[in-house]
N, C-alpha and C. Protein backbone atom coordinates (compact mmCIF):
# COMPACT_ATOMS: atom_id res chain seq x y z
N MET A 1 0.84 -1.20 0.00
CA MET A 1 0.00 0.00 0.00
C MET A 1 0.87 1.25 0.00
N MET A 2 1.92 1.25 0.84
CA MET A 2 2.82 2.39 0.90
C MET A 2 3.56 2.56 -0.43
N ALA A 3 3.92 1.43 -1.03
CA ALA A 3 4.63 1.48 -2.31
C ALA A 3 3.72 2.06 -3.39
N GLU A 4 2.42 1.69 -3.32
CA GLU A 4 1.46 2.20 -4.30
C GLU A 4 1.28 3.71 -4.15
N ASN A 5 1.19 4.18 -2.88
CA ASN A 5 1.05 5.61 -2.64
C ASN A 5 2.29 6.38 -3.11
N SER A 6 3.45 5.80 -2.86
CA SER A 6 4.69 6.44 -3.29
C SER A 6 4.76 6.55 -4.81
N GLU A 7 4.28 5.51 -5.48
CA GLU A 7 4.28 5.52 -6.94
C GLU A 7 3.32 6.57 -7.48
N GLN A 8 2.15 6.71 -6.82
CA GLN A 8 1.19 7.72 -7.23
C GLN A 8 1.74 9.13 -7.03
N GLN A 9 2.42 9.33 -5.89
CA GLN A 9 3.02 10.64 -5.61
C GLN A 9 4.11 10.96 -6.63
N TYR A 10 4.89 9.95 -6.99
CA TYR A 10 5.95 10.14 -7.99
C TYR A 10 5.35 10.51 -9.34
N THR A 11 4.27 9.80 -9.71
CA THR A 11 3.60 10.07 -10.98
C THR A 11 3.01 11.47 -11.00
N SER A 12 2.39 11.89 -9.87
CA SER A 12 1.80 13.23 -9.78
C SER A 12 2.88 14.30 -9.90
N ALA A 13 4.01 14.09 -9.21
CA ALA A 13 5.11 15.05 -9.27
C ALA A 13 5.68 15.13 -10.69
N LYS A 14 5.79 13.98 -11.33
CA LYS A 14 6.30 13.93 -12.69
C LYS A 14 5.37 14.67 -13.64
N ASN A 15 4.06 14.43 -13.48
CA ASN A 15 3.07 15.11 -14.32
C ASN A 15 3.10 16.62 -14.08
N LEU A 16 3.32 17.02 -12.82
CA LEU A 16 3.36 18.44 -12.49
C LEU A 16 4.50 19.14 -13.21
N TRP A 17 5.64 18.47 -13.30
CA TRP A 17 6.80 19.05 -13.98
C TRP A 17 6.56 19.18 -15.48
N LEU A 18 5.62 18.41 -16.00
CA LEU A 18 5.26 18.53 -17.41
C LEU A 18 4.16 19.56 -17.63
N VAL A 19 3.21 19.58 -16.70
CA VAL A 19 2.04 20.45 -16.85
C VAL A 19 2.41 21.92 -16.68
N LEU A 20 3.25 22.23 -15.71
CA LEU A 20 3.61 23.63 -15.45
C LEU A 20 4.28 24.29 -16.65
N PRO A 21 5.32 23.66 -17.25
CA PRO A 21 5.91 24.28 -18.46
C PRO A 21 4.90 24.37 -19.61
N ALA A 22 4.03 23.35 -19.71
CA ALA A 22 3.03 23.36 -20.78
C ALA A 22 2.07 24.54 -20.62
N LYS A 23 1.65 24.81 -19.39
CA LYS A 23 0.77 25.95 -19.13
C LYS A 23 1.50 27.27 -19.38
N PHE A 24 2.75 27.33 -18.94
CA PHE A 24 3.53 28.55 -19.14
C PHE A 24 3.67 28.88 -20.62
N LEU A 25 4.00 27.88 -21.43
CA LEU A 25 4.14 28.10 -22.87
C LEU A 25 2.80 28.46 -23.52
N SER A 26 1.72 27.84 -23.02
CA SER A 26 0.39 28.15 -23.57
C SER A 26 0.02 29.60 -23.32
N TYR A 27 0.38 30.12 -22.15
CA TYR A 27 0.08 31.52 -21.83
C TYR A 27 1.04 32.47 -22.57
N LEU A 28 2.33 32.11 -22.57
CA LEU A 28 3.33 32.98 -23.18
C LEU A 28 3.09 33.12 -24.69
N PHE A 29 2.71 32.01 -25.31
CA PHE A 29 2.46 32.02 -26.76
C PHE A 29 0.98 31.87 -27.05
N HIS A 30 0.19 32.61 -26.28
CA HIS A 30 -1.25 32.65 -26.54
C HIS A 30 -1.46 33.21 -27.94
N PRO A 31 -2.43 32.68 -28.68
CA PRO A 31 -2.67 33.15 -30.06
C PRO A 31 -2.80 34.66 -30.20
N LEU A 32 -3.35 35.33 -29.20
CA LEU A 32 -3.53 36.78 -29.30
C LEU A 32 -2.21 37.55 -29.24
N PHE A 33 -1.16 36.92 -28.71
CA PHE A 33 0.13 37.59 -28.60
C PHE A 33 0.99 37.46 -29.86
N ILE A 34 0.65 36.52 -30.72
CA ILE A 34 1.51 36.21 -31.86
C ILE A 34 1.70 37.40 -32.81
N PRO A 35 0.65 38.16 -33.17
CA PRO A 35 0.89 39.32 -34.04
C PRO A 35 1.86 40.33 -33.44
N THR A 36 1.80 40.54 -32.13
CA THR A 36 2.73 41.46 -31.47
C THR A 36 4.15 40.92 -31.53
N TYR A 37 4.32 39.63 -31.30
CA TYR A 37 5.66 39.03 -31.37
C TYR A 37 6.23 39.17 -32.79
N PHE A 38 5.40 38.94 -33.78
CA PHE A 38 5.87 39.05 -35.16
C PHE A 38 6.29 40.48 -35.47
N PHE A 39 5.51 41.44 -35.03
CA PHE A 39 5.84 42.84 -35.26
C PHE A 39 7.15 43.21 -34.55
N LEU A 40 7.31 42.77 -33.31
CA LEU A 40 8.54 43.06 -32.57
C LEU A 40 9.75 42.45 -33.26
N PHE A 41 9.57 41.25 -33.83
CA PHE A 41 10.68 40.63 -34.55
C PHE A 41 11.05 41.46 -35.78
N LEU A 42 10.05 41.98 -36.48
CA LEU A 42 10.32 42.85 -37.63
C LEU A 42 11.15 44.06 -37.20
N VAL A 43 10.78 44.65 -36.09
CA VAL A 43 11.51 45.82 -35.59
C VAL A 43 12.96 45.45 -35.27
N TYR A 44 13.15 44.28 -34.65
CA TYR A 44 14.48 43.86 -34.23
C TYR A 44 15.35 43.44 -35.43
N ARG A 45 14.76 42.63 -36.32
CA ARG A 45 15.56 42.04 -37.41
C ARG A 45 15.69 42.95 -38.63
N PHE A 46 14.68 43.78 -38.87
CA PHE A 46 14.68 44.65 -40.05
C PHE A 46 14.41 46.09 -39.65
N PRO A 47 15.31 46.68 -38.88
CA PRO A 47 15.09 48.07 -38.40
C PRO A 47 15.02 49.09 -39.53
N PHE A 48 15.62 48.76 -40.70
CA PHE A 48 15.59 49.70 -41.82
C PHE A 48 14.18 49.95 -42.34
N LEU A 49 13.25 49.07 -41.99
CA LEU A 49 11.86 49.25 -42.41
C LEU A 49 11.18 50.38 -41.65
N PHE A 50 11.81 50.82 -40.58
CA PHE A 50 11.17 51.83 -39.72
C PHE A 50 12.03 53.08 -39.56
N THR A 51 12.96 53.30 -40.47
CA THR A 51 13.87 54.44 -40.34
C THR A 51 13.20 55.78 -40.61
N ASP A 52 12.03 55.75 -41.25
CA ASP A 52 11.37 57.02 -41.58
C ASP A 52 10.39 57.49 -40.51
N ILE A 53 10.42 56.84 -39.35
CA ILE A 53 9.57 57.28 -38.24
C ILE A 53 10.42 57.44 -36.99
N THR A 54 9.94 58.21 -36.06
CA THR A 54 10.67 58.45 -34.81
C THR A 54 10.51 57.27 -33.86
N VAL A 55 11.35 57.25 -32.83
CA VAL A 55 11.26 56.19 -31.82
C VAL A 55 9.90 56.22 -31.13
N TYR A 56 9.42 57.41 -30.86
CA TYR A 56 8.10 57.54 -30.22
C TYR A 56 7.00 56.98 -31.11
N GLN A 57 7.07 57.27 -32.41
CA GLN A 57 6.07 56.74 -33.33
C GLN A 57 6.14 55.22 -33.43
N LEU A 58 7.36 54.70 -33.36
CA LEU A 58 7.53 53.25 -33.40
C LEU A 58 6.91 52.60 -32.17
N LYS A 59 7.12 53.20 -31.02
CA LYS A 59 6.51 52.68 -29.79
C LYS A 59 4.98 52.70 -29.89
N LEU A 60 4.47 53.76 -30.50
CA LEU A 60 3.02 53.83 -30.70
C LEU A 60 2.53 52.72 -31.62
N LYS A 61 3.32 52.40 -32.63
CA LYS A 61 2.94 51.31 -33.54
C LYS A 61 2.90 49.97 -32.81
N VAL A 62 3.93 49.73 -32.00
CA VAL A 62 3.95 48.48 -31.22
C VAL A 62 2.74 48.41 -30.29
N PHE A 63 2.47 49.52 -29.63
CA PHE A 63 1.33 49.57 -28.72
C PHE A 63 0.02 49.35 -29.48
N SER A 64 -0.11 49.94 -30.66
CA SER A 64 -1.35 49.81 -31.42
C SER A 64 -1.57 48.37 -31.89
N VAL A 65 -0.47 47.69 -32.26
CA VAL A 65 -0.59 46.28 -32.66
C VAL A 65 -1.10 45.45 -31.49
N PHE A 66 -0.49 45.64 -30.32
CA PHE A 66 -0.94 44.89 -29.14
C PHE A 66 -2.38 45.26 -28.78
N TRP A 67 -2.69 46.55 -28.86
CA TRP A 67 -4.01 47.03 -28.50
C TRP A 67 -5.10 46.43 -29.37
N MET A 68 -4.83 46.36 -30.69
CA MET A 68 -5.84 45.92 -31.64
C MET A 68 -5.92 44.40 -31.77
N THR A 69 -4.80 43.72 -31.64
CA THR A 69 -4.81 42.28 -31.88
C THR A 69 -4.83 41.43 -30.61
N ALA A 70 -4.56 42.04 -29.47
CA ALA A 70 -4.55 41.28 -28.21
C ALA A 70 -5.54 41.83 -27.20
N PHE A 71 -5.41 43.12 -26.88
CA PHE A 71 -6.24 43.67 -25.81
C PHE A 71 -7.73 43.67 -26.15
N PHE A 72 -8.09 44.24 -27.29
CA PHE A 72 -9.51 44.33 -27.64
C PHE A 72 -10.17 42.96 -27.80
N PRO A 73 -9.56 42.00 -28.52
CA PRO A 73 -10.16 40.66 -28.58
C PRO A 73 -10.29 40.01 -27.21
N ALA A 74 -9.26 40.17 -26.35
CA ALA A 74 -9.33 39.60 -25.00
C ALA A 74 -10.42 40.28 -24.18
N PHE A 75 -10.54 41.58 -24.33
CA PHE A 75 -11.59 42.32 -23.62
C PHE A 75 -12.97 41.88 -24.10
N GLY A 76 -13.08 41.60 -25.40
CA GLY A 76 -14.34 41.10 -25.93
C GLY A 76 -14.73 39.76 -25.32
N VAL A 77 -13.74 38.88 -25.17
CA VAL A 77 -14.00 37.58 -24.53
C VAL A 77 -14.41 37.78 -23.07
N PHE A 78 -13.74 38.71 -22.40
CA PHE A 78 -14.08 39.00 -21.00
C PHE A 78 -15.52 39.48 -20.88
N LEU A 79 -15.94 40.35 -21.78
CA LEU A 79 -17.33 40.84 -21.76
C LEU A 79 -18.31 39.70 -22.02
N LEU A 80 -17.98 38.82 -22.95
CA LEU A 80 -18.84 37.67 -23.22
C LEU A 80 -19.00 36.81 -21.97
N TYR A 81 -17.90 36.66 -21.25
CA TYR A 81 -17.93 35.86 -20.02
C TYR A 81 -18.79 36.54 -18.95
N LYS A 82 -18.61 37.85 -18.79
CA LYS A 82 -19.37 38.58 -17.78
C LYS A 82 -20.86 38.62 -18.10
N LEU A 83 -21.17 38.64 -19.38
CA LEU A 83 -22.58 38.66 -19.80
C LEU A 83 -23.19 37.27 -19.89
N LYS A 84 -22.41 36.25 -19.50
CA LYS A 84 -22.86 34.87 -19.43
C LYS A 84 -23.13 34.24 -20.80
N PHE A 85 -22.50 34.81 -21.85
CA PHE A 85 -22.64 34.19 -23.17
C PHE A 85 -21.71 32.98 -23.29
N ILE A 86 -20.64 32.98 -22.52
CA ILE A 86 -19.74 31.84 -22.46
C ILE A 86 -19.51 31.49 -20.99
N GLN A 87 -19.18 30.24 -20.73
CA GLN A 87 -19.03 29.78 -19.36
C GLN A 87 -17.62 29.96 -18.82
N SER A 88 -16.65 30.09 -19.72
CA SER A 88 -15.26 30.19 -19.27
C SER A 88 -14.46 31.04 -20.26
N ILE A 89 -13.50 31.78 -19.74
CA ILE A 89 -12.63 32.58 -20.61
C ILE A 89 -11.63 31.69 -21.34
N TYR A 90 -11.53 30.42 -20.95
CA TYR A 90 -10.59 29.51 -21.58
C TYR A 90 -11.15 28.90 -22.86
N LEU A 91 -12.44 29.09 -23.12
CA LEU A 91 -13.06 28.67 -24.38
C LEU A 91 -12.79 27.20 -24.67
N ARG A 92 -13.19 26.35 -23.76
CA ARG A 92 -12.85 24.94 -23.88
C ARG A 92 -13.81 24.16 -24.78
N THR A 93 -14.92 24.76 -25.16
CA THR A 93 -15.86 24.08 -26.05
C THR A 93 -15.91 24.82 -27.39
N ALA A 94 -16.26 24.08 -28.44
CA ALA A 94 -16.34 24.68 -29.77
C ALA A 94 -17.40 25.76 -29.83
N LYS A 95 -18.51 25.56 -29.12
CA LYS A 95 -19.60 26.54 -29.13
C LYS A 95 -19.16 27.87 -28.55
N GLU A 96 -18.36 27.83 -27.48
CA GLU A 96 -17.90 29.06 -26.83
C GLU A 96 -16.94 29.85 -27.71
N ARG A 97 -16.37 29.21 -28.72
CA ARG A 97 -15.35 29.86 -29.54
C ARG A 97 -15.94 30.64 -30.72
N ILE A 98 -17.22 30.49 -30.98
CA ILE A 98 -17.81 31.12 -32.17
C ILE A 98 -17.70 32.63 -32.12
N ALA A 99 -18.21 33.25 -31.05
CA ALA A 99 -18.17 34.71 -30.94
C ALA A 99 -16.74 35.25 -30.88
N PRO A 100 -15.83 34.64 -30.09
CA PRO A 100 -14.44 35.13 -30.11
C PRO A 100 -13.78 35.03 -31.49
N TYR A 101 -14.10 33.98 -32.24
CA TYR A 101 -13.59 33.89 -33.61
C TYR A 101 -14.02 35.13 -34.41
N MET A 102 -15.28 35.48 -34.30
CA MET A 102 -15.81 36.61 -35.06
C MET A 102 -15.19 37.93 -34.62
N ILE A 103 -14.94 38.07 -33.33
CA ILE A 103 -14.31 39.28 -32.82
C ILE A 103 -12.89 39.44 -33.38
N THR A 104 -12.11 38.37 -33.30
CA THR A 104 -10.73 38.44 -33.79
C THR A 104 -10.69 38.62 -35.30
N MET A 105 -11.64 38.02 -36.01
CA MET A 105 -11.72 38.21 -37.46
C MET A 105 -11.83 39.69 -37.81
N PHE A 106 -12.67 40.39 -37.08
CA PHE A 106 -12.88 41.81 -37.35
C PHE A 106 -11.58 42.59 -37.16
N PHE A 107 -10.90 42.36 -36.06
CA PHE A 107 -9.68 43.12 -35.77
C PHE A 107 -8.53 42.74 -36.71
N TYR A 108 -8.45 41.45 -37.07
CA TYR A 108 -7.41 41.05 -38.01
C TYR A 108 -7.66 41.67 -39.39
N TRP A 109 -8.91 41.72 -39.82
CA TRP A 109 -9.22 42.36 -41.09
C TRP A 109 -8.88 43.85 -41.03
N TRP A 110 -9.18 44.48 -39.93
CA TRP A 110 -8.90 45.90 -39.79
C TRP A 110 -7.39 46.16 -39.85
N MET A 111 -6.59 45.31 -39.23
CA MET A 111 -5.14 45.47 -39.26
C MET A 111 -4.60 45.25 -40.68
N TYR A 112 -5.19 44.29 -41.40
CA TYR A 112 -4.78 44.09 -42.79
C TYR A 112 -5.12 45.31 -43.62
N TYR A 113 -6.30 45.86 -43.40
CA TYR A 113 -6.73 47.06 -44.14
C TYR A 113 -5.76 48.22 -43.88
N LEU A 114 -5.38 48.42 -42.63
CA LEU A 114 -4.46 49.49 -42.29
C LEU A 114 -3.08 49.26 -42.90
N SER A 115 -2.61 48.02 -42.85
CA SER A 115 -1.28 47.72 -43.39
C SER A 115 -1.23 47.92 -44.90
N LYS A 116 -2.37 47.74 -45.55
CA LYS A 116 -2.43 47.87 -47.00
C LYS A 116 -2.60 49.32 -47.45
N ASN A 117 -3.29 50.11 -46.68
CA ASN A 117 -3.68 51.45 -47.13
C ASN A 117 -2.95 52.59 -46.44
N MET A 118 -2.18 52.29 -45.41
CA MET A 118 -1.43 53.35 -44.72
C MET A 118 0.04 53.28 -45.11
N SER A 119 0.67 54.44 -45.14
CA SER A 119 2.10 54.49 -45.45
C SER A 119 2.91 54.08 -44.22
N ASN A 120 4.21 53.90 -44.43
CA ASN A 120 5.12 53.52 -43.35
C ASN A 120 4.78 52.17 -42.73
N GLN A 121 4.24 51.27 -43.55
CA GLN A 121 3.91 49.93 -43.08
C GLN A 121 4.76 48.92 -43.85
N PRO A 122 5.53 48.06 -43.17
CA PRO A 122 6.31 47.03 -43.86
C PRO A 122 5.41 46.13 -44.72
N ASP A 123 5.89 45.77 -45.89
CA ASP A 123 5.10 44.93 -46.79
C ASP A 123 4.73 43.59 -46.16
N ALA A 124 5.64 43.07 -45.33
CA ALA A 124 5.41 41.75 -44.74
C ALA A 124 4.16 41.71 -43.89
N LEU A 125 3.79 42.84 -43.31
CA LEU A 125 2.59 42.87 -42.47
C LEU A 125 1.33 42.59 -43.27
N GLN A 126 1.35 42.93 -44.56
CA GLN A 126 0.17 42.73 -45.38
C GLN A 126 -0.17 41.24 -45.51
N TYR A 127 0.81 40.43 -45.90
CA TYR A 127 0.51 39.00 -46.05
C TYR A 127 0.27 38.34 -44.71
N PHE A 128 0.98 38.83 -43.68
CA PHE A 128 0.79 38.22 -42.36
C PHE A 128 -0.62 38.46 -41.83
N TYR A 129 -1.07 39.71 -41.86
CA TYR A 129 -2.41 40.01 -41.36
C TYR A 129 -3.49 39.36 -42.21
N PHE A 130 -3.29 39.36 -43.53
CA PHE A 130 -4.28 38.72 -44.39
C PHE A 130 -4.32 37.21 -44.10
N GLY A 131 -3.16 36.62 -43.87
CA GLY A 131 -3.09 35.19 -43.58
C GLY A 131 -3.80 34.83 -42.29
N ILE A 132 -3.58 35.62 -41.23
CA ILE A 132 -4.24 35.28 -39.96
C ILE A 132 -5.74 35.59 -40.02
N PHE A 133 -6.11 36.54 -40.87
CA PHE A 133 -7.55 36.81 -41.05
C PHE A 133 -8.24 35.62 -41.70
N ILE A 134 -7.69 35.12 -42.80
CA ILE A 134 -8.37 34.01 -43.48
C ILE A 134 -8.26 32.71 -42.68
N SER A 135 -7.18 32.54 -41.92
CA SER A 135 -7.07 31.34 -41.08
C SER A 135 -8.13 31.35 -39.98
N THR A 136 -8.41 32.55 -39.44
CA THR A 136 -9.46 32.67 -38.43
C THR A 136 -10.82 32.44 -39.06
N SER A 137 -11.03 32.93 -40.28
CA SER A 137 -12.31 32.75 -40.96
C SER A 137 -12.57 31.28 -41.26
N ILE A 138 -11.56 30.59 -41.78
CA ILE A 138 -11.71 29.17 -42.08
C ILE A 138 -11.81 28.37 -40.78
N GLY A 139 -11.05 28.81 -39.77
CA GLY A 139 -11.12 28.15 -38.47
C GLY A 139 -12.52 28.18 -37.88
N LEU A 140 -13.22 29.29 -38.09
CA LEU A 140 -14.60 29.40 -37.62
C LEU A 140 -15.49 28.34 -38.25
N VAL A 141 -15.27 28.07 -39.53
CA VAL A 141 -16.06 27.06 -40.23
C VAL A 141 -15.70 25.66 -39.73
N ILE A 142 -14.40 25.39 -39.63
CA ILE A 142 -13.94 24.07 -39.17
C ILE A 142 -14.38 23.82 -37.74
N ASN A 143 -14.50 24.88 -36.97
CA ASN A 143 -14.92 24.78 -35.56
C ASN A 143 -16.28 24.10 -35.41
N ASN A 144 -17.09 24.10 -36.46
CA ASN A 144 -18.38 23.43 -36.41
C ASN A 144 -18.25 21.91 -36.44
N PHE A 145 -17.06 21.43 -36.81
CA PHE A 145 -16.87 19.99 -36.95
C PHE A 145 -15.88 19.44 -35.92
N ILE A 146 -14.78 20.16 -35.71
CA ILE A 146 -13.81 19.78 -34.68
C ILE A 146 -13.34 21.03 -33.96
N LYS A 147 -12.88 20.87 -32.72
CA LYS A 147 -12.37 22.01 -31.96
C LYS A 147 -10.91 22.25 -32.35
N ILE A 148 -10.74 22.81 -33.54
CA ILE A 148 -9.40 23.03 -34.08
C ILE A 148 -8.58 23.90 -33.14
N SER A 149 -7.31 23.59 -33.02
CA SER A 149 -6.45 24.27 -32.04
C SER A 149 -6.11 25.69 -32.47
N LEU A 150 -6.47 26.65 -31.65
CA LEU A 150 -6.12 28.05 -31.91
C LEU A 150 -4.61 28.26 -31.75
N HIS A 151 -4.02 27.59 -30.78
CA HIS A 151 -2.56 27.66 -30.62
C HIS A 151 -1.87 27.09 -31.86
N GLY A 152 -2.44 26.01 -32.39
CA GLY A 152 -1.87 25.41 -33.59
C GLY A 152 -1.94 26.36 -34.77
N ILE A 153 -3.08 27.01 -34.95
CA ILE A 153 -3.22 27.99 -36.04
C ILE A 153 -2.22 29.12 -35.87
N ALA A 154 -2.10 29.64 -34.65
CA ALA A 154 -1.22 30.78 -34.39
C ALA A 154 0.25 30.42 -34.61
N MET A 155 0.69 29.29 -34.07
CA MET A 155 2.10 28.93 -34.20
C MET A 155 2.42 28.50 -35.63
N GLY A 156 1.49 27.84 -36.29
CA GLY A 156 1.70 27.50 -37.70
C GLY A 156 1.83 28.76 -38.54
N SER A 157 0.99 29.74 -38.24
CA SER A 157 1.06 31.02 -38.96
C SER A 157 2.39 31.71 -38.72
N LEU A 158 2.84 31.72 -37.48
CA LEU A 158 4.11 32.38 -37.15
C LEU A 158 5.28 31.69 -37.84
N LEU A 159 5.30 30.37 -37.82
CA LEU A 159 6.39 29.63 -38.45
C LEU A 159 6.44 29.90 -39.94
N ALA A 160 5.29 29.82 -40.61
CA ALA A 160 5.25 30.07 -42.05
C ALA A 160 5.62 31.52 -42.36
N ALA A 161 5.13 32.46 -41.54
CA ALA A 161 5.43 33.88 -41.77
C ALA A 161 6.92 34.16 -41.65
N MET A 162 7.59 33.50 -40.73
CA MET A 162 9.02 33.70 -40.56
C MET A 162 9.80 33.19 -41.78
N ILE A 163 9.40 32.03 -42.28
CA ILE A 163 10.06 31.48 -43.46
C ILE A 163 9.84 32.39 -44.67
N LEU A 164 8.60 32.85 -44.85
CA LEU A 164 8.28 33.74 -45.96
C LEU A 164 9.01 35.08 -45.82
N LEU A 165 9.20 35.50 -44.59
CA LEU A 165 9.93 36.74 -44.33
C LEU A 165 11.36 36.64 -44.85
N SER A 166 11.97 35.49 -44.62
CA SER A 166 13.33 35.26 -45.09
C SER A 166 13.40 35.28 -46.61
N PHE A 167 12.40 34.67 -47.26
CA PHE A 167 12.37 34.67 -48.72
C PHE A 167 12.14 36.08 -49.27
N TYR A 168 11.21 36.79 -48.69
CA TYR A 168 10.82 38.09 -49.24
C TYR A 168 11.95 39.11 -49.16
N TYR A 169 12.65 39.14 -48.02
CA TYR A 169 13.72 40.11 -47.84
C TYR A 169 15.10 39.54 -48.15
N HIS A 170 15.13 38.28 -48.60
CA HIS A 170 16.39 37.61 -48.94
C HIS A 170 17.38 37.71 -47.78
N ALA A 171 16.89 37.40 -46.61
CA ALA A 171 17.70 37.52 -45.39
C ALA A 171 17.94 36.15 -44.77
N PRO A 172 19.17 35.89 -44.32
CA PRO A 172 19.45 34.62 -43.63
C PRO A 172 18.82 34.62 -42.23
N MET A 173 17.88 33.74 -42.02
CA MET A 173 17.17 33.70 -40.73
C MET A 173 17.09 32.28 -40.19
N GLY A 174 18.14 31.51 -40.44
CA GLY A 174 18.12 30.11 -40.03
C GLY A 174 17.91 29.92 -38.54
N MET A 175 18.59 30.71 -37.72
CA MET A 175 18.46 30.57 -36.27
C MET A 175 17.05 30.94 -35.81
N ALA A 176 16.52 32.05 -36.31
CA ALA A 176 15.19 32.50 -35.91
C ALA A 176 14.12 31.49 -36.33
N ILE A 177 14.25 30.94 -37.54
CA ILE A 177 13.28 29.96 -38.03
C ILE A 177 13.37 28.67 -37.21
N SER A 178 14.60 28.26 -36.89
CA SER A 178 14.78 27.03 -36.09
C SER A 178 14.16 27.18 -34.70
N ILE A 179 14.38 28.34 -34.07
CA ILE A 179 13.81 28.58 -32.74
C ILE A 179 12.29 28.59 -32.81
N THR A 180 11.75 29.22 -33.87
CA THR A 180 10.30 29.25 -34.03
C THR A 180 9.74 27.85 -34.23
N ALA A 181 10.45 27.02 -35.00
CA ALA A 181 10.00 25.64 -35.23
C ALA A 181 10.00 24.84 -33.92
N ILE A 182 11.05 25.03 -33.13
CA ILE A 182 11.12 24.33 -31.83
C ILE A 182 9.99 24.78 -30.91
N LEU A 183 9.76 26.09 -30.86
CA LEU A 183 8.69 26.63 -30.03
C LEU A 183 7.33 26.14 -30.50
N THR A 184 7.15 26.03 -31.81
CA THR A 184 5.90 25.50 -32.36
C THR A 184 5.67 24.08 -31.88
N GLY A 185 6.73 23.27 -31.91
CA GLY A 185 6.61 21.89 -31.42
C GLY A 185 6.34 21.83 -29.93
N LEU A 186 6.99 22.68 -29.15
CA LEU A 186 6.80 22.67 -27.70
C LEU A 186 5.40 23.12 -27.31
N VAL A 187 4.92 24.19 -27.95
CA VAL A 187 3.57 24.67 -27.64
C VAL A 187 2.53 23.63 -28.03
N SER A 188 2.69 23.01 -29.18
CA SER A 188 1.75 21.98 -29.63
C SER A 188 1.76 20.78 -28.69
N THR A 189 2.95 20.36 -28.28
CA THR A 189 3.07 19.25 -27.33
C THR A 189 2.43 19.61 -26.00
N GLY A 190 2.61 20.86 -25.59
CA GLY A 190 2.02 21.32 -24.34
C GLY A 190 0.51 21.25 -24.36
N ARG A 191 -0.10 21.60 -25.49
CA ARG A 191 -1.56 21.54 -25.59
C ARG A 191 -2.05 20.09 -25.49
N LEU A 192 -1.25 19.16 -25.99
CA LEU A 192 -1.59 17.75 -25.87
C LEU A 192 -1.44 17.27 -24.43
N LEU A 193 -0.37 17.69 -23.77
CA LEU A 193 -0.15 17.29 -22.38
C LEU A 193 -1.25 17.81 -21.45
N LEU A 194 -1.79 18.97 -21.79
CA LEU A 194 -2.86 19.56 -20.98
C LEU A 194 -4.23 18.99 -21.33
N ASN A 195 -4.24 18.06 -22.30
CA ASN A 195 -5.50 17.43 -22.74
C ASN A 195 -6.51 18.45 -23.27
N GLU A 196 -6.00 19.51 -23.87
CA GLU A 196 -6.87 20.53 -24.44
C GLU A 196 -7.31 20.17 -25.86
N HIS A 197 -6.49 19.36 -26.53
CA HIS A 197 -6.79 19.00 -27.92
C HIS A 197 -6.32 17.59 -28.22
N THR A 198 -6.84 17.05 -29.31
CA THR A 198 -6.36 15.77 -29.84
C THR A 198 -5.28 16.04 -30.88
N ASN A 199 -4.60 14.98 -31.29
CA ASN A 199 -3.59 15.12 -32.34
C ASN A 199 -4.19 15.73 -33.60
N GLN A 200 -5.38 15.25 -33.96
CA GLN A 200 -6.05 15.74 -35.17
C GLN A 200 -6.29 17.24 -35.10
N GLU A 201 -6.72 17.73 -33.95
CA GLU A 201 -7.01 19.15 -33.79
C GLU A 201 -5.75 20.00 -33.85
N ILE A 202 -4.67 19.48 -33.28
CA ILE A 202 -3.39 20.19 -33.32
C ILE A 202 -2.86 20.26 -34.75
N TYR A 203 -2.82 19.10 -35.43
CA TYR A 203 -2.30 19.06 -36.79
C TYR A 203 -3.14 19.93 -37.73
N ALA A 204 -4.46 19.90 -37.54
CA ALA A 204 -5.34 20.71 -38.37
C ALA A 204 -5.04 22.19 -38.19
N GLY A 205 -4.82 22.61 -36.95
CA GLY A 205 -4.49 24.00 -36.68
C GLY A 205 -3.18 24.42 -37.31
N LEU A 206 -2.15 23.59 -37.15
CA LEU A 206 -0.85 23.91 -37.73
C LEU A 206 -0.92 24.02 -39.25
N LEU A 207 -1.56 23.04 -39.88
CA LEU A 207 -1.66 23.04 -41.34
C LEU A 207 -2.46 24.23 -41.84
N LEU A 208 -3.53 24.57 -41.12
CA LEU A 208 -4.35 25.72 -41.53
C LEU A 208 -3.54 27.02 -41.43
N GLY A 209 -2.82 27.20 -40.32
CA GLY A 209 -2.02 28.40 -40.16
C GLY A 209 -0.96 28.54 -41.25
N ILE A 210 -0.27 27.45 -41.54
CA ILE A 210 0.78 27.46 -42.57
C ILE A 210 0.18 27.74 -43.94
N ALA A 211 -0.90 27.02 -44.28
CA ALA A 211 -1.52 27.16 -45.60
C ALA A 211 -2.02 28.58 -45.83
N CYS A 212 -2.62 29.18 -44.81
CA CYS A 212 -3.19 30.52 -44.98
C CYS A 212 -2.13 31.59 -45.11
N GLN A 213 -0.98 31.40 -44.47
CA GLN A 213 0.12 32.34 -44.68
C GLN A 213 0.66 32.24 -46.11
N LEU A 214 0.72 31.02 -46.64
CA LEU A 214 1.14 30.85 -48.03
C LEU A 214 0.15 31.50 -48.98
N ILE A 215 -1.13 31.31 -48.71
CA ILE A 215 -2.16 31.94 -49.54
C ILE A 215 -2.05 33.46 -49.44
N GLY A 216 -1.88 33.96 -48.23
CA GLY A 216 -1.76 35.40 -48.04
C GLY A 216 -0.55 35.97 -48.78
N TYR A 217 0.56 35.24 -48.73
CA TYR A 217 1.79 35.71 -49.37
C TYR A 217 1.62 35.81 -50.89
N PHE A 218 1.11 34.73 -51.50
CA PHE A 218 1.00 34.72 -52.95
C PHE A 218 -0.17 35.57 -53.46
N PHE A 219 -1.16 35.79 -52.61
CA PHE A 219 -2.31 36.62 -53.02
C PHE A 219 -2.00 38.10 -52.85
N VAL A 220 -1.36 38.46 -51.77
CA VAL A 220 -1.13 39.87 -51.45
C VAL A 220 0.16 40.40 -52.07
N MET A 221 1.21 39.60 -52.03
CA MET A 221 2.51 40.10 -52.47
C MET A 221 2.69 39.92 -53.97
């Protein structure tokens, strides 16, 4: 009996060491943060794209990206939760994800519109925003059949966008792409460890994110 209890405690401790990093990565690379991360990478890796604006204006751009693609969609989900339209802010059921999908679709379309029609916008933002807009739109449809992974869509989009970024600007980005690929694998594995998705849902999300970035690149650029 004591041996059985010790084994259970060991298993629980082992699972805890897996669950905690999985949760941390899920929060750190939440789908709503991915557009901000991509924009920050553009600023870091391709500073020449922003030489015609001041540092203050650049900070405003970073803030506006976070504000439009992360804060407002998250606030929309919070309002849905407070108004009892959804039972949890974690959106664990396909039904709860319908309205948040529509909210993010609106903001992603708006960011694509701004990137296309405003000056001082890097070209790469056009295909990226268009790609995440159509991936969210298609994801909404697929959501009626399976609970496709939002983390999978986001990380697949980021990975494909990074590779396309290297092609478009003819820049060596092997290290950045490799790190993104590893993070994509870790985040996807974490979602499986947390029992949030099945393999099918994860793979569907990754493939959708990658495919839509390719479509966005060849359609927009």
